[in-house]
Amino acid sequence: MPYGMGLTDKISGRVKQAVGDLTDDPAMHREGRQVERKGEAKEELAEAQTKADRKAEEVANLERKTA
C-alpha cells in the first residue's frame, strides 16, 4: 500500500465532520470520524508493512552473509 493511501480518507472524514458540525448533524460528524479513523488505520498498516519489509530484507542479508 503506497504511503499516503489513507490521506484521502482522512481528509474526506474531516470534511464530513465539519459538515456535521455546521449542519448540527451528529450522525454526519460520527461518519466523518469513522472515515478519518479508517484513513489513519490504512496509514498504520502501510507503516507496519514497510517495517516488516525492511526486517525481512535485513534477515535475508544476514543469511546471505552467513551462507
PDB file of N, CA and C in Angstrom:
ATOM      1  N   MET A   1       0.856  -1.180   0.000  1.00  0.00           N
ATOM      2  CA  MET A   1       0.000   0.000   0.000  1.00  0.00           C
ATOM      3  C   MET A   1       0.894   1.232   0.000  1.00  0.00           C
ATOM      4  N   PRO A   2       0.764   2.072  -0.984  1.00  0.00           N
ATOM      5  CA  PRO A   2       1.621   3.251  -1.066  1.00  0.00           C
ATOM      6  C   PRO A   2       1.385   4.201   0.100  1.00  0.00           C
ATOM      7  N   TYR A   3       2.476   4.868   0.488  1.00  0.00           N
ATOM      8  CA  TYR A   3       2.370   5.846   1.565  1.00  0.00           C
ATOM      9  C   TYR A   3       1.379   6.921   1.162  1.00  0.00           C
ATOM     10  N   GLY A   4       0.592   7.376   2.116  1.00  0.00           N
ATOM     11  CA  GLY A   4      -0.387   8.406   1.838  1.00  0.00           C
ATOM     12  C   GLY A   4      -1.721   7.854   1.364  1.00  0.00           C
ATOM     13  N   MET A   5      -1.813   6.524   1.310  1.00  0.00           N
ATOM     14  CA  MET A   5      -3.030   5.881   0.835  1.00  0.00           C
ATOM     15  C   MET A   5      -4.231   6.299   1.691  1.00  0.00           C
ATOM     16  N   GLY A   6      -4.041   6.478   2.976  1.00  0.00           N
ATOM     17  CA  GLY A   6      -5.140   6.843   3.854  1.00  0.00           C
ATOM     18  C   GLY A   6      -5.423   8.334   3.904  1.00  0.00           C
ATOM     19  N   LEU A   7      -4.604   9.114   3.234  1.00  0.00           N
ATOM     20  CA  LEU A   7      -4.759  10.567   3.285  1.00  0.00           C
ATOM     21  C   LEU A   7      -6.114  11.019   2.753  1.00  0.00           C
ATOM     22  N   THR A   8      -6.562  10.420   1.675  1.00  0.00           N
ATOM     23  CA  THR A   8      -7.859  10.787   1.105  1.00  0.00           C
ATOM     24  C   THR A   8      -8.981  10.532   2.105  1.00  0.00           C
ATOM     25  N   ASP A   9      -8.930   9.377   2.771  1.00  0.00           N
ATOM     26  CA  ASP A   9      -9.941   9.068   3.777  1.00  0.00           C
ATOM     27  C   ASP A   9      -9.882  10.053   4.938  1.00  0.00           C
ATOM     28  N   LYS A  10      -8.673  10.393   5.355  1.00  0.00           N
ATOM     29  CA  LYS A  10      -8.541  11.328   6.472  1.00  0.00           C
ATOM     30  C   LYS A  10      -9.134  12.693   6.124  1.00  0.00           C
ATOM     31  N   ILE A  11      -8.826  13.171   4.932  1.00  0.00           N
ATOM     32  CA  ILE A  11      -9.344  14.484   4.511  1.00  0.00           C
ATOM     33  C   ILE A  11     -10.867  14.427   4.354  1.00  0.00           C
ATOM     34  N   SER A  12     -11.344  13.385   3.689  1.00  0.00           N
ATOM     35  CA  SER A  12     -12.782  13.218   3.498  1.00  0.00           C
ATOM     36  C   SER A  12     -13.505  13.150   4.848  1.00  0.00           C
ATOM     37  N   GLY A  13     -12.910  12.418   5.772  1.00  0.00           N
ATOM     38  CA  GLY A  13     -13.507  12.297   7.098  1.00  0.00           C
ATOM     39  C   GLY A  13     -13.581  13.635   7.818  1.00  0.00           C
ATOM     40  N   ARG A  14     -12.530  14.400   7.705  1.00  0.00           N
ATOM     41  CA  ARG A  14     -12.522  15.716   8.357  1.00  0.00           C
ATOM     42  C   ARG A  14     -13.565  16.647   7.752  1.00  0.00           C
ATOM     43  N   VAL A  15     -13.718  16.565   6.429  1.00  0.00           N
ATOM     44  CA  VAL A  15     -14.734  17.390   5.763  1.00  0.00           C
ATOM     45  C   VAL A  15     -16.122  16.987   6.261  1.00  0.00           C
ATOM     46  N   LYS A  16     -16.389  15.684   6.327  1.00  0.00           N
ATOM     47  CA  LYS A  16     -17.696  15.222   6.806  1.00  0.00           C
ATOM     48  C   LYS A  16     -17.939  15.658   8.253  1.00  0.00           C
ATOM     49  N   GLN A  17     -16.904  15.617   9.071  1.00  0.00           N
ATOM     50  CA  GLN A  17     -17.061  16.079  10.445  1.00  0.00           C
ATOM     51  C   GLN A  17     -17.424  17.560  10.481  1.00  0.00           C
ATOM     52  N   ALA A  18     -16.758  18.342   9.665  1.00  0.00           N
ATOM     53  CA  ALA A  18     -17.032  19.782   9.619  1.00  0.00           C
ATOM     54  C   ALA A  18     -18.453  20.046   9.133  1.00  0.00           C
ATOM     55  N   VAL A  19     -18.865  19.311   8.108  1.00  0.00           N
ATOM     56  CA  VAL A  19     -20.234  19.467   7.609  1.00  0.00           C
ATOM     57  C   VAL A  19     -21.228  19.091   8.702  1.00  0.00           C
ATOM     58  N   GLY A  20     -20.939  18.009   9.402  1.00  0.00           N
ATOM     59  CA  GLY A  20     -21.809  17.599  10.503  1.00  0.00           C
ATOM     60  C   GLY A  20     -21.900  18.663  11.583  1.00  0.00           C
ATOM     61  N   ASP A  21     -20.768  19.294  11.878  1.00  0.00           N
ATOM     62  CA  ASP A  21     -20.762  20.369  12.876  1.00  0.00           C
ATOM     63  C   ASP A  21     -21.557  21.580  12.390  1.00  0.00           C
ATOM     64  N   LEU A  22     -21.338  21.950  11.128  1.00  0.00           N
ATOM     65  CA  LEU A  22     -22.016  23.131  10.580  1.00  0.00           C
ATOM     66  C   LEU A  22     -23.522  22.942  10.450  1.00  0.00           C
ATOM     67  N   THR A  23     -23.931  21.721  10.164  1.00  0.00           N
ATOM     68  CA  THR A  23     -25.363  21.449   9.971  1.00  0.00           C
ATOM     69  C   THR A  23     -26.005  20.857  11.226  1.00  0.00           C
ATOM     70  N   ASP A  24     -25.232  20.796  12.302  1.00  0.00           N
ATOM     71  CA  ASP A  24     -25.707  20.227  13.567  1.00  0.00           C
ATOM     72  C   ASP A  24     -26.251  18.805  13.349  1.00  0.00           C
ATOM     73  N   ASP A  25     -25.454  18.004  12.628  1.00  0.00           N
ATOM     74  CA  ASP A  25     -25.826  16.627  12.297  1.00  0.00           C
ATOM     75  C   ASP A  25     -24.819  15.671  12.944  1.00  0.00           C
ATOM     76  N   PRO A  26     -25.134  15.168  14.144  1.00  0.00           N
ATOM     77  CA  PRO A  26     -24.192  14.297  14.847  1.00  0.00           C
ATOM     78  C   PRO A  26     -23.873  13.008  14.076  1.00  0.00           C
ATOM     79  N   ALA A  27     -24.844  12.502  13.311  1.00  0.00           N
ATOM     80  CA  ALA A  27     -24.592  11.280  12.541  1.00  0.00           C
ATOM     81  C   ALA A  27     -23.528  11.536  11.468  1.00  0.00           C
ATOM     82  N   MET A  28     -23.591  12.675  10.806  1.00  0.00           N
ATOM     83  CA  MET A  28     -22.594  13.024   9.791  1.00  0.00           C
ATOM     84  C   MET A  28     -21.227  13.194  10.448  1.00  0.00           C
ATOM     85  N   HIS A  29     -21.200  13.823  11.611  1.00  0.00           N
ATOM     86  CA  HIS A  29     -19.938  14.005  12.323  1.00  0.00           C
ATOM     87  C   HIS A  29     -19.337  12.642  12.676  1.00  0.00           C
ATOM     88  N   ARG A  30     -20.156  11.724  13.186  1.00  0.00           N
ATOM     89  CA  ARG A  30     -19.676  10.375  13.540  1.00  0.00           C
ATOM     90  C   ARG A  30     -19.157   9.637  12.312  1.00  0.00           C
ATOM     91  N   GLU A  31     -19.899   9.740  11.224  1.00  0.00           N
ATOM     92  CA  GLU A  31     -19.475   9.086   9.988  1.00  0.00           C
ATOM     93  C   GLU A  31     -18.113   9.638   9.544  1.00  0.00           C
ATOM     94  N   GLY A  32     -17.965  10.937   9.647  1.00  0.00           N
ATOM     95  CA  GLY A  32     -16.686  11.550   9.290  1.00  0.00           C
ATOM     96  C   GLY A  32     -15.554  11.052  10.157  1.00  0.00           C
ATOM     97  N   ARG A  33     -15.824  10.897  11.444  1.00  0.00           N
ATOM     98  CA  ARG A  33     -14.781  10.383  12.356  1.00  0.00           C
ATOM     99  C   ARG A  33     -14.408   8.953  11.980  1.00  0.00           C
ATOM    100  N   GLN A  34     -15.403   8.158  11.605  1.00  0.00           N
ATOM    101  CA  GLN A  34     -15.131   6.773  11.206  1.00  0.00           C
ATOM    102  C   GLN A  34     -14.278   6.732   9.941  1.00  0.00           C
ATOM    103  N   VAL A  35     -14.585   7.579   8.986  1.00  0.00           N
ATOM    104  CA  VAL A  35     -13.819   7.622   7.738  1.00  0.00           C
ATOM    105  C   VAL A  35     -12.390   8.093   8.020  1.00  0.00           C
ATOM    106  N   GLU A  36     -12.263   9.101   8.873  1.00  0.00           N
ATOM    107  CA  GLU A  36     -10.933   9.589   9.234  1.00  0.00           C
ATOM    108  C   GLU A  36     -10.129   8.485   9.915  1.00  0.00           C
ATOM    109  N   ARG A  37     -10.751   7.758  10.820  1.00  0.00           N
ATOM    110  CA  ARG A  37     -10.069   6.670  11.526  1.00  0.00           C
ATOM    111  C   ARG A  37      -9.649   5.569  10.551  1.00  0.00           C
ATOM    112  N   LYS A  38     -10.482   5.302   9.532  1.00  0.00           N
ATOM    113  CA  LYS A  38     -10.126   4.319   8.519  1.00  0.00           C
ATOM    114  C   LYS A  38      -8.845   4.753   7.803  1.00  0.00           C
ATOM    115  N   GLY A  39      -8.740   6.029   7.493  1.00  0.00           N
ATOM    116  CA  GLY A  39      -7.532   6.548   6.860  1.00  0.00           C
ATOM    117  C   GLY A  39      -6.315   6.411   7.754  1.00  0.00           C
ATOM    118  N   GLU A  40      -6.493   6.676   9.039  1.00  0.00           N
ATOM    119  CA  GLU A  40      -5.397   6.517   9.992  1.00  0.00           C
ATOM    120  C   GLU A  40      -4.961   5.055  10.052  1.00  0.00           C
ATOM    121  N   ALA A  41      -5.929   4.148  10.052  1.00  0.00           N
ATOM    122  CA  ALA A  41      -5.614   2.715  10.105  1.00  0.00           C
ATOM    123  C   ALA A  41      -4.860   2.277   8.849  1.00  0.00           C
ATOM    124  N   LYS A  42      -5.246   2.799   7.691  1.00  0.00           N
ATOM    125  CA  LYS A  42      -4.535   2.471   6.453  1.00  0.00           C
ATOM    126  C   LYS A  42      -3.085   2.928   6.527  1.00  0.00           C
ATOM    127  N   GLU A  43      -2.865   4.112   7.085  1.00  0.00           N
ATOM    128  CA  GLU A  43      -1.500   4.617   7.217  1.00  0.00           C
ATOM    129  C   GLU A  43      -0.696   3.768   8.193  1.00  0.00           C
ATOM    130  N   GLU A  44      -1.332   3.348   9.298  1.00  0.00           N
ATOM    131  CA  GLU A  44      -0.655   2.487  10.266  1.00  0.00           C
ATOM    132  C   GLU A  44      -0.284   1.150   9.626  1.00  0.00           C
ATOM    133  N   LEU A  45      -1.190   0.601   8.830  1.00  0.00           N
ATOM    134  CA  LEU A  45      -0.928  -0.657   8.142  1.00  0.00           C
ATOM    135  C   LEU A  45       0.237  -0.508   7.164  1.00  0.00           C
ATOM    136  N   ALA A  46       0.254   0.562   6.408  1.00  0.00           N
ATOM    137  CA  ALA A  46       1.336   0.792   5.450  1.00  0.00           C
ATOM    138  C   ALA A  46       2.672   0.924   6.170  1.00  0.00           C
ATOM    139  N   GLU A  47       2.672   1.615   7.298  1.00  0.00           N
ATOM    140  CA  GLU A  47       3.900   1.780   8.078  1.00  0.00           C
ATOM    141  C   GLU A  47       4.385   0.434   8.617  1.00  0.00           C
ATOM    142  N   ALA A  48       3.473  -0.373   9.122  1.00  0.00           N
ATOM    143  CA  ALA A  48       3.833  -1.691   9.643  1.00  0.00           C
ATOM    144  C   ALA A  48       4.374  -2.588   8.530  1.00  0.00           C
ATOM    145  N   GLN A  49       3.764  -2.511   7.355  1.00  0.00           N
ATOM    146  CA  GLN A  49       4.228  -3.317   6.220  1.00  0.00           C
ATOM    147  C   GLN A  49       5.626  -2.898   5.802  1.00  0.00           C
ATOM    148  N   THR A  50       5.886  -1.598   5.790  1.00  0.00           N
ATOM    149  CA  THR A  50       7.217  -1.104   5.440  1.00  0.00           C
ATOM    150  C   THR A  50       8.253  -1.616   6.429  1.00  0.00           C
ATOM    151  N   LYS A  51       7.935  -1.575   7.718  1.00  0.00           N
ATOM    152  CA  LYS A  51       8.861  -2.075   8.740  1.00  0.00           C
ATOM    153  C   LYS A  51       9.099  -3.569   8.567  1.00  0.00           C
ATOM    154  N   ALA A  52       8.042  -4.321   8.284  1.00  0.00           N
ATOM    155  CA  ALA A  52       8.176  -5.764   8.093  1.00  0.00           C
ATOM    156  C   ALA A  52       9.044  -6.055   6.868  1.00  0.00           C
ATOM    157  N   ASP A  53       8.855  -5.305   5.803  1.00  0.00           N
ATOM    158  CA  ASP A  53       9.655  -5.491   4.599  1.00  0.00           C
ATOM    159  C   ASP A  53      11.134  -5.214   4.876  1.00  0.00           C
ATOM    160  N   ARG A  54      11.397  -4.176   5.644  1.00  0.00           N
ATOM    161  CA  ARG A  54      12.791  -3.842   5.986  1.00  0.00           C
ATOM    162  C   ARG A  54      13.423  -4.951   6.815  1.00  0.00           C
ATOM    163  N   LYS A  55      12.661  -5.469   7.772  1.00  0.00           N
ATOM    164  CA  LYS A  55      13.174  -6.561   8.612  1.00  0.00           C
ATOM    165  C   LYS A  55      13.454  -7.796   7.774  1.00  0.00           C
ATOM    166  N   ALA A  56      12.559  -8.129   6.868  1.00  0.00           N
ATOM    167  CA  ALA A  56      12.742  -9.299   6.009  1.00  0.00           C
ATOM    168  C   ALA A  56      14.004  -9.127   5.156  1.00  0.00           C
ATOM    169  N   GLU A  57      14.228  -7.939   4.658  1.00  0.00           N
ATOM    170  CA  GLU A  57      15.430  -7.677   3.868  1.00  0.00           C
ATOM    171  C   GLU A  57      16.682  -7.805   4.726  1.00  0.00           C
ATOM    172  N   GLU A  58      16.608  -7.302   5.951  1.00  0.00           N
ATOM    173  CA  GLU A  58      17.739  -7.396   6.878  1.00  0.00           C
ATOM    174  C   GLU A  58      18.075  -8.862   7.179  1.00  0.00           C
ATOM    175  N   VAL A  59      17.060  -9.662   7.420  1.00  0.00           N
ATOM    176  CA  VAL A  59      17.266 -11.086   7.696  1.00  0.00           C
ATOM    177  C   VAL A  59      17.872 -11.781   6.469  1.00  0.00           C
ATOM    178  N   ALA A  60      17.340 -11.469   5.290  1.00  0.00           N
ATOM    179  CA  ALA A  60      17.869 -12.075   4.068  1.00  0.00           C
ATOM    180  C   ALA A  60      19.328 -11.711   3.869  1.00  0.00           C
ATOM    181  N   ASN A  61      19.692 -10.477   4.147  1.00  0.00           N
ATOM    182  CA  ASN A  61      21.091 -10.034   4.022  1.00  0.00           C
ATOM    183  C   ASN A  61      21.986 -10.777   5.003  1.00  0.00           C
ATOM    184  N   LEU A  62      21.526 -10.946   6.227  1.00  0.00           N
ATOM    185  CA  LEU A  62      22.305 -11.675   7.241  1.00  0.00           C
ATOM    186  C   LEU A  62      22.476 -13.127   6.850  1.00  0.00           C
ATOM    187  N   GLU A  63      21.431 -13.725   6.302  1.00  0.00           N
ATOM    188  CA  GLU A  63      21.509 -15.128   5.883  1.00  0.00           C
ATOM    189  C   GLU A  63      22.514 -15.295   4.734  1.00  0.00           C
ATOM    190  N   ARG A  64      22.533 -14.326   3.825  1.00  0.00           N
ATOM    191  CA  ARG A  64      23.482 -14.406   2.719  1.00  0.00           C
ATOM    192  C   ARG A  64      24.924 -14.305   3.224  1.00  0.00           C
ATOM    193  N   LYS A  65      25.138 -13.487   4.236  1.00  0.00           N
ATOM    194  CA  LYS A  65      26.474 -13.299   4.778  1.00  0.00           C
ATOM    195  C   LYS A  65      26.979 -14.542   5.507  1.00  0.00           C
ATOM    196  N   THR A  66      26.068 -15.296   6.117  1.00  0.00           N
ATOM    197  CA  THR A  66      26.480 -16.474   6.877  1.00  0.00           C
ATOM    198  C   THR A  66      26.469 -17.737   6.038  1.00  0.00           C
ATOM    199  N   ALA A  67      25.968 -17.650   4.821  1.00  0.00           N
ATOM    200  CA  ALA A  67      25.893 -18.861   3.970  1.00  0.00           C
ATOM    201  C   ALA A  67      27.185 -19.107   3.234  1.00  0.00           C
TER     202      ALA A  67
END
